[in-house]
Amino acid sequence: MRFEDLQDFIQCYNPQNRHVRKETWDSESNPNGRWRKFTYEELITRDKTSLDVFWLKDKSLIDLDNLSDPKILEAAMTSFKNVTEKLHIY
């Protein structure tokens, strides 16, 4: 990570005057905005009041909504287990 990578964050963070910060996220006009504020009510209603908030999806991750049929995955795991047993890999 380089200093240049943080320029957008520094500009949005506005360390000189944090009271005039403006979020770049908007549910309709900019759903990929990287700067978003949350109200106390939004945070307190989260499971275990976690501050681990995410609204952007990492496109490099697997699409968890479209996984293969569990039977296919189970068969693959069984095959893999058989191979590792034959190779004596534990």
N, C-alpha and C. Protein backbone atom coordinates (compact mmCIF):
# COMPACT_ATOMS: atom_id res chain seq x y z
N MET A 1 0.84 -1.17 0.00
CA MET A 1 0.00 0.00 0.00
C MET A 1 0.89 1.24 0.00
N ARG A 2 0.49 2.17 -0.80
CA ARG A 2 1.26 3.42 -0.91
C ARG A 2 0.40 4.60 -0.45
N PHE A 3 1.04 5.70 -0.20
CA PHE A 3 0.34 6.91 0.24
C PHE A 3 -0.74 7.31 -0.77
N GLU A 4 -0.44 7.15 -2.05
CA GLU A 4 -1.41 7.51 -3.10
C GLU A 4 -2.71 6.70 -2.97
N ASP A 5 -2.58 5.47 -2.47
CA ASP A 5 -3.76 4.62 -2.31
C ASP A 5 -4.72 5.16 -1.26
N LEU A 6 -4.24 6.01 -0.40
CA LEU A 6 -5.07 6.54 0.68
C LEU A 6 -5.64 7.93 0.40
N GLN A 7 -5.32 8.51 -0.76
CA GLN A 7 -5.74 9.87 -1.05
C GLN A 7 -7.26 10.05 -1.01
N ASP A 8 -8.00 9.11 -1.58
CA ASP A 8 -9.46 9.20 -1.57
C ASP A 8 -9.98 9.17 -0.13
N PHE A 9 -9.43 8.29 0.68
CA PHE A 9 -9.82 8.20 2.08
C PHE A 9 -9.52 9.51 2.81
N ILE A 10 -8.33 10.04 2.63
CA ILE A 10 -7.93 11.28 3.32
C ILE A 10 -8.84 12.43 2.92
N GLN A 11 -9.16 12.51 1.64
CA GLN A 11 -10.04 13.58 1.17
C GLN A 11 -11.44 13.45 1.77
N CYS A 12 -11.98 12.24 1.78
CA CYS A 12 -13.30 12.02 2.37
C CYS A 12 -13.29 12.19 3.88
N TYR A 13 -12.23 11.76 4.52
CA TYR A 13 -12.12 11.84 5.97
C TYR A 13 -12.08 13.28 6.45
N ASN A 14 -11.50 14.15 5.64
CA ASN A 14 -11.44 15.58 5.91
C ASN A 14 -10.92 15.86 7.32
N PRO A 15 -9.66 15.51 7.58
CA PRO A 15 -9.12 15.66 8.94
C PRO A 15 -9.09 17.11 9.43
N GLN A 16 -9.07 18.08 8.51
CA GLN A 16 -9.03 19.48 8.96
C GLN A 16 -10.37 19.91 9.57
N ASN A 17 -11.47 19.35 9.07
CA ASN A 17 -12.77 19.73 9.60
C ASN A 17 -13.73 18.56 9.46
N ARG A 18 -13.70 17.68 10.41
CA ARG A 18 -14.49 16.46 10.33
C ARG A 18 -15.99 16.71 10.35
N HIS A 19 -16.42 17.92 10.73
CA HIS A 19 -17.84 18.22 10.81
C HIS A 19 -18.45 18.52 9.43
N VAL A 20 -17.62 18.68 8.42
CA VAL A 20 -18.15 18.92 7.08
C VAL A 20 -17.88 17.74 6.14
N ARG A 21 -17.66 16.58 6.72
CA ARG A 21 -17.47 15.38 5.91
C ARG A 21 -18.73 15.10 5.09
N LYS A 22 -18.52 14.61 3.88
CA LYS A 22 -19.65 14.25 3.03
C LYS A 22 -19.46 12.82 2.57
N GLU A 23 -20.50 12.01 2.77
CA GLU A 23 -20.38 10.62 2.34
C GLU A 23 -20.48 10.53 0.83
N THR A 24 -19.78 9.56 0.27
CA THR A 24 -19.81 9.35 -1.17
C THR A 24 -20.78 8.24 -1.55
N TRP A 25 -21.27 7.48 -0.55
CA TRP A 25 -22.20 6.40 -0.79
C TRP A 25 -23.62 6.94 -0.85
N ASP A 26 -24.40 6.41 -1.79
CA ASP A 26 -25.83 6.67 -1.86
C ASP A 26 -26.48 5.42 -2.43
N SER A 27 -27.56 4.96 -1.80
CA SER A 27 -28.16 3.68 -2.21
C SER A 27 -28.60 3.67 -3.67
N GLU A 28 -28.95 4.82 -4.20
CA GLU A 28 -29.42 4.85 -5.59
C GLU A 28 -28.38 5.42 -6.56
N SER A 29 -27.80 6.57 -6.23
CA SER A 29 -26.91 7.23 -7.18
C SER A 29 -25.47 6.74 -7.13
N ASN A 30 -25.03 6.19 -5.99
CA ASN A 30 -23.65 5.71 -5.90
C ASN A 30 -23.53 4.57 -4.89
N PRO A 31 -24.10 3.38 -5.21
CA PRO A 31 -24.06 2.26 -4.26
C PRO A 31 -22.67 1.71 -4.02
N ASN A 32 -21.68 2.11 -4.82
CA ASN A 32 -20.30 1.68 -4.61
C ASN A 32 -19.45 2.76 -3.94
N GLY A 33 -20.09 3.79 -3.43
CA GLY A 33 -19.36 4.85 -2.74
C GLY A 33 -18.60 4.29 -1.55
N ARG A 34 -17.37 4.72 -1.37
CA ARG A 34 -16.50 4.12 -0.36
C ARG A 34 -16.59 4.84 0.99
N TRP A 35 -17.31 5.91 1.09
CA TRP A 35 -17.41 6.62 2.36
C TRP A 35 -18.88 6.70 2.73
N ARG A 36 -19.22 6.10 3.86
CA ARG A 36 -20.61 6.04 4.28
C ARG A 36 -20.72 6.25 5.77
N LYS A 37 -21.75 6.98 6.18
CA LYS A 37 -21.99 7.16 7.61
C LYS A 37 -23.16 6.28 8.02
N PHE A 38 -23.15 5.89 9.29
CA PHE A 38 -24.21 5.08 9.87
C PHE A 38 -24.73 5.79 11.11
N THR A 39 -26.03 5.74 11.30
CA THR A 39 -26.60 6.34 12.51
C THR A 39 -26.42 5.39 13.68
N TYR A 40 -26.56 5.91 14.86
CA TYR A 40 -26.49 5.08 16.06
C TYR A 40 -27.53 3.97 15.98
N GLU A 41 -28.73 4.31 15.53
CA GLU A 41 -29.81 3.34 15.43
C GLU A 41 -29.46 2.20 14.47
N GLU A 42 -28.81 2.54 13.35
CA GLU A 42 -28.41 1.50 12.40
C GLU A 42 -27.38 0.55 13.02
N LEU A 43 -26.47 1.09 13.78
CA LEU A 43 -25.43 0.27 14.40
C LEU A 43 -25.97 -0.58 15.54
N ILE A 44 -26.83 -0.02 16.36
CA ILE A 44 -27.31 -0.73 17.54
C ILE A 44 -28.24 -1.89 17.16
N THR A 45 -28.86 -1.84 15.99
CA THR A 45 -29.75 -2.92 15.58
C THR A 45 -29.00 -4.08 14.93
N ARG A 46 -27.71 -3.90 14.70
CA ARG A 46 -26.90 -4.96 14.09
C ARG A 46 -26.70 -6.10 15.09
N ASP A 47 -26.46 -7.28 14.57
CA ASP A 47 -26.20 -8.43 15.42
C ASP A 47 -25.00 -8.15 16.32
N LYS A 48 -25.19 -8.25 17.61
CA LYS A 48 -24.15 -8.02 18.61
C LYS A 48 -23.56 -6.61 18.53
N THR A 49 -24.30 -5.69 17.95
CA THR A 49 -23.87 -4.31 17.79
C THR A 49 -22.46 -4.23 17.22
N SER A 50 -22.24 -4.98 16.18
CA SER A 50 -20.93 -5.03 15.55
C SER A 50 -20.64 -3.77 14.74
N LEU A 51 -19.42 -3.31 14.85
CA LEU A 51 -18.97 -2.18 14.02
C LEU A 51 -18.30 -2.68 12.74
N ASP A 52 -18.40 -3.94 12.51
CA ASP A 52 -17.85 -4.57 11.32
C ASP A 52 -18.87 -4.41 10.20
N VAL A 53 -18.94 -3.23 9.61
CA VAL A 53 -19.99 -2.92 8.63
C VAL A 53 -19.44 -3.00 7.21
N PHE A 54 -20.21 -3.66 6.37
CA PHE A 54 -19.84 -3.80 4.97
C PHE A 54 -21.05 -3.50 4.11
N TRP A 55 -20.87 -2.75 3.08
CA TRP A 55 -21.96 -2.49 2.14
C TRP A 55 -21.50 -2.72 0.70
N LEU A 56 -20.20 -2.87 0.53
CA LEU A 56 -19.65 -3.14 -0.80
C LEU A 56 -19.35 -4.62 -0.91
N LYS A 57 -19.61 -5.20 -2.07
CA LYS A 57 -19.31 -6.61 -2.28
C LYS A 57 -18.00 -6.74 -3.04
N ASP A 58 -17.16 -7.64 -2.59
CA ASP A 58 -15.90 -7.92 -3.27
C ASP A 58 -16.19 -8.85 -4.43
N LYS A 59 -16.06 -8.34 -5.65
CA LYS A 59 -16.39 -9.13 -6.83
C LYS A 59 -15.45 -10.31 -7.04
N SER A 60 -14.32 -10.32 -6.34
CA SER A 60 -13.38 -11.43 -6.49
C SER A 60 -13.78 -12.64 -5.65
N LEU A 61 -14.75 -12.47 -4.75
CA LEU A 61 -15.19 -13.57 -3.92
C LEU A 61 -16.21 -14.43 -4.66
N ILE A 62 -16.36 -15.65 -4.22
CA ILE A 62 -17.33 -16.57 -4.81
C ILE A 62 -18.74 -16.04 -4.57
N ASP A 63 -19.61 -16.20 -5.56
CA ASP A 63 -21.01 -15.82 -5.43
C ASP A 63 -21.71 -16.86 -4.56
N LEU A 64 -21.89 -16.56 -3.30
CA LEU A 64 -22.44 -17.53 -2.35
C LEU A 64 -23.90 -17.85 -2.60
N ASP A 65 -24.57 -17.02 -3.40
CA ASP A 65 -25.97 -17.28 -3.71
C ASP A 65 -26.13 -18.31 -4.82
N ASN A 66 -25.05 -18.64 -5.51
CA ASN A 66 -25.14 -19.56 -6.65
C ASN A 66 -24.12 -20.68 -6.55
N LEU A 67 -24.05 -21.31 -5.40
CA LEU A 67 -23.13 -22.43 -5.21
C LEU A 67 -23.68 -23.68 -5.89
N SER A 68 -22.80 -24.63 -6.14
CA SER A 68 -23.21 -25.90 -6.72
C SER A 68 -24.11 -26.66 -5.77
N ASP A 69 -24.82 -27.63 -6.32
CA ASP A 69 -25.68 -28.51 -5.52
C ASP A 69 -24.84 -29.19 -4.45
N PRO A 70 -25.32 -29.24 -3.21
CA PRO A 70 -24.55 -29.87 -2.12
C PRO A 70 -24.14 -31.31 -2.42
N LYS A 71 -24.95 -32.05 -3.18
CA LYS A 71 -24.59 -33.42 -3.52
C LYS A 71 -23.34 -33.46 -4.39
N ILE A 72 -23.20 -32.50 -5.28
CA ILE A 72 -22.01 -32.43 -6.14
C ILE A 72 -20.79 -32.11 -5.29
N LEU A 73 -20.96 -31.16 -4.37
CA LEU A 73 -19.84 -30.79 -3.49
C LEU A 73 -19.44 -31.96 -2.59
N GLU A 74 -20.42 -32.68 -2.09
CA GLU A 74 -20.14 -33.83 -1.24
C GLU A 74 -19.40 -34.92 -2.02
N ALA A 75 -19.81 -35.17 -3.26
CA ALA A 75 -19.14 -36.17 -4.09
C ALA A 75 -17.70 -35.75 -4.38
N ALA A 76 -17.49 -34.47 -4.61
CA ALA A 76 -16.14 -33.97 -4.86
C ALA A 76 -15.27 -34.14 -3.63
N MET A 77 -15.82 -33.84 -2.46
CA MET A 77 -15.06 -34.01 -1.22
C MET A 77 -14.73 -35.48 -0.96
N THR A 78 -15.66 -36.36 -1.26
CA THR A 78 -15.42 -37.79 -1.09
C THR A 78 -14.31 -38.25 -2.02
N SER A 79 -14.35 -37.80 -3.27
CA SER A 79 -13.30 -38.14 -4.23
C SER A 79 -11.95 -37.63 -3.76
N PHE A 80 -11.93 -36.41 -3.28
CA PHE A 80 -10.69 -35.82 -2.80
C PHE A 80 -10.16 -36.62 -1.60
N LYS A 81 -11.04 -37.00 -0.70
CA LYS A 81 -10.64 -37.79 0.46
C LYS A 81 -10.03 -39.12 0.02
N ASN A 82 -10.66 -39.78 -0.96
CA ASN A 82 -10.14 -41.05 -1.47
C ASN A 82 -8.74 -40.89 -2.05
N VAL A 83 -8.53 -39.81 -2.79
CA VAL A 83 -7.21 -39.56 -3.38
C VAL A 83 -6.18 -39.33 -2.29
N THR A 84 -6.52 -38.50 -1.30
CA THR A 84 -5.54 -38.21 -0.24
C THR A 84 -5.22 -39.46 0.58
N GLU A 85 -6.21 -40.33 0.76
CA GLU A 85 -5.94 -41.56 1.50
C GLU A 85 -5.01 -42.46 0.72
N LYS A 86 -5.19 -42.57 -0.60
CA LYS A 86 -4.31 -43.38 -1.42
C LYS A 86 -2.89 -42.82 -1.48
N LEU A 87 -2.80 -41.51 -1.37
CA LEU A 87 -1.47 -40.88 -1.39
C LEU A 87 -0.89 -40.74 0.00
N HIS A 88 -1.63 -41.19 1.00
CA HIS A 88 -1.21 -41.11 2.41
C HIS A 88 -0.99 -39.67 2.86
N ILE A 89 -1.88 -38.78 2.41
CA ILE A 89 -1.85 -37.39 2.83
C ILE A 89 -2.93 -37.21 3.88
N TYR A 90 -2.58 -36.73 5.01
CA TYR A 90 -3.58 -36.57 6.08
C TYR A 90 -3.76 -35.13 6.44
